[in-house]
Amino acid sequence: MAEAFGHAATGELDSLVPVERPEGSPLRHLARFFAQTTGERYDAISRLWLNARHLSRYRPVLRDRVAVQEAGWRGRLSGLLQEGVEQGEFHTDDPQLTAIQILVVLDGLGAHANTETGSHPEAVTRMAITTAERELGLADGALTRPTDASGA
């Protein structure tokens, strides 16, 4: 069970925040990240995370695997944010703290994967994006403009 979860979670991370990113600014990569964190595919992996976190309370091997995956997410996302700070696109004193804030909001939204999420107000569905824009000193909508969300 831990191995299957680790494989799926690593695949998700590699897809959303690849180690080797194609050319493009950190802003564009972060916008692409947010564009992919909605919909049925993302909800399916959110369900897997929900189950893994629950079951990890009783299974030490799975608990360790969840911790490794969570650290990978924090590291990969904070690395992207740090890159954006270095290039002058993002403004935060602590990219790791900002990454954690974004991930906590995404996890909270992911907890609704087992419920009807289509009726959430836009302010709720955009909550992670709004958090990122605020914490990174970006204008409202900077991470959702079509030219920014197109990928690399």
C-alpha atoms as a PDB file:
ATOM      1  CA  MET A   1       0.000   0.000   0.000  1.00  0.00           C
ATOM      2  CA  ALA A   2       2.800   2.434   0.878  1.00  0.00           C
ATOM      3  CA  GLU A   3       4.637   1.646  -2.341  1.00  0.00           C
ATOM      4  CA  ALA A   4       1.529   2.196  -4.487  1.00  0.00           C
ATOM      5  CA  PHE A   5       0.785   5.489  -2.732  1.00  0.00           C
ATOM      6  CA  GLY A   6       4.383   6.647  -3.120  1.00  0.00           C
ATOM      7  CA  HIS A   7       4.376   5.825  -6.814  1.00  0.00           C
ATOM      8  CA  ALA A   8       1.105   7.703  -7.448  1.00  0.00           C
ATOM      9  CA  ALA A   9       2.059  10.703  -5.320  1.00  0.00           C
ATOM     10  CA  THR A  10       5.480  10.985  -6.974  1.00  0.00           C
ATOM     11  CA  GLY A  11       3.835  10.847 -10.396  1.00  0.00           C
ATOM     12  CA  GLU A  12       1.493  13.650  -9.384  1.00  0.00           C
ATOM     13  CA  LEU A  13       4.363  15.786  -8.090  1.00  0.00           C
ATOM     14  CA  ASP A  14       6.457  15.148 -11.201  1.00  0.00           C
ATOM     15  CA  SER A  15       3.515  16.224 -13.341  1.00  0.00           C
ATOM     16  CA  LEU A  16       2.612  19.357 -11.375  1.00  0.00           C
ATOM     17  CA  VAL A  17       6.071  20.590 -10.339  1.00  0.00           C
ATOM     18  CA  PRO A  18       8.632  18.767 -12.485  1.00  0.00           C
ATOM     19  CA  VAL A  19      12.272  18.761 -11.443  1.00  0.00           C
ATOM     20  CA  GLU A  20      13.313  19.526 -15.009  1.00  0.00           C
ATOM     21  CA  ARG A  21      10.933  22.225 -16.182  1.00  0.00           C
ATOM     22  CA  PRO A  22      10.727  23.341 -19.788  1.00  0.00           C
ATOM     23  CA  GLU A  23      11.750  26.910 -20.519  1.00  0.00           C
ATOM     24  CA  GLY A  24       9.522  29.501 -18.997  1.00  0.00           C
ATOM     25  CA  SER A  25       9.328  31.806 -16.052  1.00  0.00           C
ATOM     26  CA  PRO A  26       8.536  30.664 -12.516  1.00  0.00           C
ATOM     27  CA  LEU A  27       5.322  32.698 -12.789  1.00  0.00           C
ATOM     28  CA  ARG A  28       4.220  30.698 -15.812  1.00  0.00           C
ATOM     29  CA  HIS A  29       5.128  27.409 -14.134  1.00  0.00           C
ATOM     30  CA  LEU A  30       3.197  28.338 -11.000  1.00  0.00           C
ATOM     31  CA  ALA A  31       0.179  29.402 -13.082  1.00  0.00           C
ATOM     32  CA  ARG A  32       0.366  26.045 -14.893  1.00  0.00           C
ATOM     33  CA  PHE A  33       0.534  24.289 -11.523  1.00  0.00           C
ATOM     34  CA  PHE A  34      -2.669  25.979 -10.358  1.00  0.00           C
ATOM     35  CA  ALA A  35      -4.425  25.316 -13.666  1.00  0.00           C
ATOM     36  CA  GLN A  36      -3.832  21.593 -13.085  1.00  0.00           C
ATOM     37  CA  THR A  37      -4.970  21.483  -9.453  1.00  0.00           C
ATOM     38  CA  THR A  38      -8.666  21.335 -10.273  1.00  0.00           C
ATOM     39  CA  GLY A  39     -10.926  18.818 -11.945  1.00  0.00           C
ATOM     40  CA  GLU A  40     -11.632  15.118 -11.685  1.00  0.00           C
ATOM     41  CA  ARG A  41      -8.037  13.951 -12.199  1.00  0.00           C
ATOM     42  CA  TYR A  42      -6.848  16.138  -9.330  1.00  0.00           C
ATOM     43  CA  ASP A  43      -9.836  15.123  -7.189  1.00  0.00           C
ATOM     44  CA  ALA A  44      -8.927  11.454  -7.712  1.00  0.00           C
ATOM     45  CA  ILE A  45      -5.403  11.949  -6.384  1.00  0.00           C
ATOM     46  CA  SER A  46      -6.822  14.078  -3.552  1.00  0.00           C
ATOM     47  CA  ARG A  47      -8.946  11.086  -2.538  1.00  0.00           C
ATOM     48  CA  LEU A  48      -5.833   8.932  -2.508  1.00  0.00           C
ATOM     49  CA  TRP A  49      -4.075  11.453  -0.251  1.00  0.00           C
ATOM     50  CA  LEU A  50      -7.107  11.541   2.066  1.00  0.00           C
ATOM     51  CA  ASN A  51      -7.085   7.773   2.388  1.00  0.00           C
ATOM     52  CA  ALA A  52      -3.312   7.542   2.791  1.00  0.00           C
ATOM     53  CA  ARG A  53      -3.263  10.141   5.541  1.00  0.00           C
ATOM     54  CA  HIS A  54      -6.099   8.414   7.351  1.00  0.00           C
ATOM     55  CA  LEU A  55      -4.622   4.927   7.062  1.00  0.00           C
ATOM     56  CA  SER A  56      -1.133   6.171   7.965  1.00  0.00           C
ATOM     57  CA  ARG A  57      -2.364   6.634  11.517  1.00  0.00           C
ATOM     58  CA  TYR A  58      -2.340   2.827  11.814  1.00  0.00           C
ATOM     59  CA  ARG A  59       0.429   1.829   9.420  1.00  0.00           C
ATOM     60  CA  PRO A  60       3.954   3.058  10.218  1.00  0.00           C
ATOM     61  CA  VAL A  61       5.377   2.248   6.764  1.00  0.00           C
ATOM     62  CA  LEU A  62       2.622   4.267   5.099  1.00  0.00           C
ATOM     63  CA  ARG A  63       3.078   7.051   7.669  1.00  0.00           C
ATOM     64  CA  ASP A  64       6.749   7.295   6.699  1.00  0.00           C
ATOM     65  CA  ARG A  65       5.882   7.321   3.003  1.00  0.00           C
ATOM     66  CA  VAL A  66       3.319  10.109   3.491  1.00  0.00           C
ATOM     67  CA  ALA A  67       5.931  12.153   5.391  1.00  0.00           C
ATOM     68  CA  VAL A  68       8.470  11.662   2.581  1.00  0.00           C
ATOM     69  CA  GLN A  69       5.912  12.719  -0.026  1.00  0.00           C
ATOM     70  CA  GLU A  70       4.882  15.790   1.972  1.00  0.00           C
ATOM     71  CA  ALA A  71       8.535  16.827   2.331  1.00  0.00           C
ATOM     72  CA  GLY A  72       9.003  16.362  -1.408  1.00  0.00           C
ATOM     73  CA  TRP A  73       6.055  18.630  -2.116  1.00  0.00           C
ATOM     74  CA  ARG A  74       7.317  21.328   0.255  1.00  0.00           C
ATOM     75  CA  GLY A  75      10.796  21.155  -1.206  1.00  0.00           C
ATOM     76  CA  ARG A  76       9.764  21.169  -4.842  1.00  0.00           C
ATOM     77  CA  LEU A  77       7.227  23.993  -4.514  1.00  0.00           C
ATOM     78  CA  SER A  78       9.464  26.130  -2.296  1.00  0.00           C
ATOM     79  CA  GLY A  79      12.261  25.639  -4.848  1.00  0.00           C
ATOM     80  CA  LEU A  80      10.028  27.024  -7.600  1.00  0.00           C
ATOM     81  CA  LEU A  81       9.076  29.956  -5.375  1.00  0.00           C
ATOM     82  CA  GLN A  82      12.722  30.607  -4.482  1.00  0.00           C
ATOM     83  CA  GLU A  83      13.547  30.646  -8.184  1.00  0.00           C
ATOM     84  CA  GLY A  84      10.832  33.253  -8.710  1.00  0.00           C
ATOM     85  CA  VAL A  85      12.220  35.372  -5.868  1.00  0.00           C
ATOM     86  CA  GLU A  86      15.726  35.184  -7.352  1.00  0.00           C
ATOM     87  CA  GLN A  87      14.383  36.273 -10.746  1.00  0.00           C
ATOM     88  CA  GLY A  88      12.393  39.131  -9.199  1.00  0.00           C
ATOM     89  CA  GLU A  89       8.975  37.695 -10.114  1.00  0.00           C
ATOM     90  CA  PHE A  90       7.906  36.784  -6.579  1.00  0.00           C
ATOM     91  CA  HIS A  91       8.371  38.682  -3.349  1.00  0.00           C
ATOM     92  CA  THR A  92       8.447  36.671  -0.136  1.00  0.00           C
ATOM     93  CA  ASP A  93      10.926  36.515   2.703  1.00  0.00           C
ATOM     94  CA  ASP A  94      10.315  32.806   3.214  1.00  0.00           C
ATOM     95  CA  PRO A  95       9.544  30.695   0.116  1.00  0.00           C
ATOM     96  CA  GLN A  96       9.222  27.553   2.232  1.00  0.00           C
ATOM     97  CA  LEU A  97       6.601  29.103   4.515  1.00  0.00           C
ATOM     98  CA  THR A  98       4.717  30.395   1.479  1.00  0.00           C
ATOM     99  CA  ALA A  99       4.847  26.921  -0.102  1.00  0.00           C
ATOM    100  CA  ILE A 100       3.436  25.403   3.083  1.00  0.00           C
ATOM    101  CA  GLN A 101       0.610  27.956   3.160  1.00  0.00           C
ATOM    102  CA  ILE A 102      -0.297  27.163  -0.453  1.00  0.00           C
ATOM    103  CA  LEU A 103      -0.176  23.416   0.181  1.00  0.00           C
ATOM    104  CA  VAL A 104      -2.319  23.671   3.309  1.00  0.00           C
ATOM    105  CA  VAL A 105      -5.003  25.520   1.341  1.00  0.00           C
ATOM    106  CA  LEU A 106      -4.798  22.981  -1.502  1.00  0.00           C
ATOM    107  CA  ASP A 107      -5.064  20.135   1.021  1.00  0.00           C
ATOM    108  CA  GLY A 108      -8.097  21.782   2.600  1.00  0.00           C
ATOM    109  CA  LEU A 109      -9.752  22.149  -0.784  1.00  0.00           C
ATOM    110  CA  GLY A 110      -8.746  18.573  -1.628  1.00  0.00           C
ATOM    111  CA  ALA A 111     -10.601  17.371   1.458  1.00  0.00           C
ATOM    112  CA  HIS A 112     -13.789  18.215  -0.430  1.00  0.00           C
ATOM    113  CA  ALA A 113     -12.948  15.747  -3.223  1.00  0.00           C
ATOM    114  CA  ASN A 114     -15.575  13.368  -1.891  1.00  0.00           C
ATOM    115  CA  THR A 115     -18.279  16.026  -1.960  1.00  0.00           C
ATOM    116  CA  GLU A 116     -19.950  18.039  -4.693  1.00  0.00           C
ATOM    117  CA  THR A 117     -17.447  20.803  -5.373  1.00  0.00           C
ATOM    118  CA  GLY A 118     -19.087  22.337  -8.438  1.00  0.00           C
ATOM    119  CA  SER A 119     -21.262  24.597  -6.326  1.00  0.00           C
ATOM    120  CA  HIS A 120     -18.436  26.281  -4.431  1.00  0.00           C
ATOM    121  CA  PRO A 121     -18.241  30.037  -4.923  1.00  0.00           C
ATOM    122  CA  GLU A 122     -15.343  31.204  -7.096  1.00  0.00           C
ATOM    123  CA  ALA A 123     -13.712  32.792  -4.044  1.00  0.00           C
ATOM    124  CA  VAL A 124     -13.449  29.302  -2.532  1.00  0.00           C
ATOM    125  CA  THR A 125     -12.205  27.548  -5.664  1.00  0.00           C
ATOM    126  CA  ARG A 126      -9.581  30.299  -6.129  1.00  0.00           C
ATOM    127  CA  MET A 127      -8.497  30.252  -2.480  1.00  0.00           C
ATOM    128  CA  ALA A 128      -5.082  28.651  -3.112  1.00  0.00           C
ATOM    129  CA  ILE A 129      -4.401  31.011  -6.013  1.00  0.00           C
ATOM    130  CA  THR A 130      -5.477  34.018  -3.966  1.00  0.00           C
ATOM    131  CA  THR A 131      -3.188  32.893  -1.153  1.00  0.00           C
ATOM    132  CA  ALA A 132      -0.259  32.506  -3.541  1.00  0.00           C
ATOM    133  CA  GLU A 133      -0.837  35.873  -5.208  1.00  0.00           C
ATOM    134  CA  ARG A 134      -1.073  37.626  -1.844  1.00  0.00           C
ATOM    135  CA  GLU A 135       1.932  35.890  -0.284  1.00  0.00           C
ATOM    136  CA  LEU A 136       4.104  36.370  -3.388  1.00  0.00           C
ATOM    137  CA  GLY A 137       3.255  40.039  -3.880  1.00  0.00           C
ATOM    138  CA  LEU A 138       1.447  39.439  -7.179  1.00  0.00           C
ATOM    139  CA  ALA A 139      -1.508  41.326  -8.604  1.00  0.00           C
ATOM    140  CA  ASP A 140      -4.925  39.689  -8.376  1.00  0.00           C
ATOM    141  CA  GLY A 141      -5.342  37.393 -11.350  1.00  0.00           C
ATOM    142  CA  ALA A 142      -1.617  37.147 -12.109  1.00  0.00           C
ATOM    143  CA  LEU A 143      -1.729  33.343 -11.766  1.00  0.00           C
ATOM    144  CA  THR A 144      -4.900  32.825 -13.780  1.00  0.00           C
ATOM    145  CA  ARG A 145      -4.379  34.960 -16.878  1.00  0.00           C
ATOM    146  CA  PRO A 146      -4.544  32.729 -19.973  1.00  0.00           C
ATOM    147  CA  THR A 147      -1.071  33.779 -21.153  1.00  0.00           C
ATOM    148  CA  ASP A 148       0.408  32.810 -17.778  1.00  0.00           C
ATOM    149  CA  ALA A 149      -1.392  29.476 -17.397  1.00  0.00           C
ATOM    150  CA  SER A 150      -0.449  28.091 -20.815  1.00  0.00           C
ATOM    151  CA  GLY A 151       2.616  26.271 -19.560  1.00  0.00           C
ATOM    152  CA  ALA A 152       6.275  26.856 -20.211  1.00  0.00           C
END
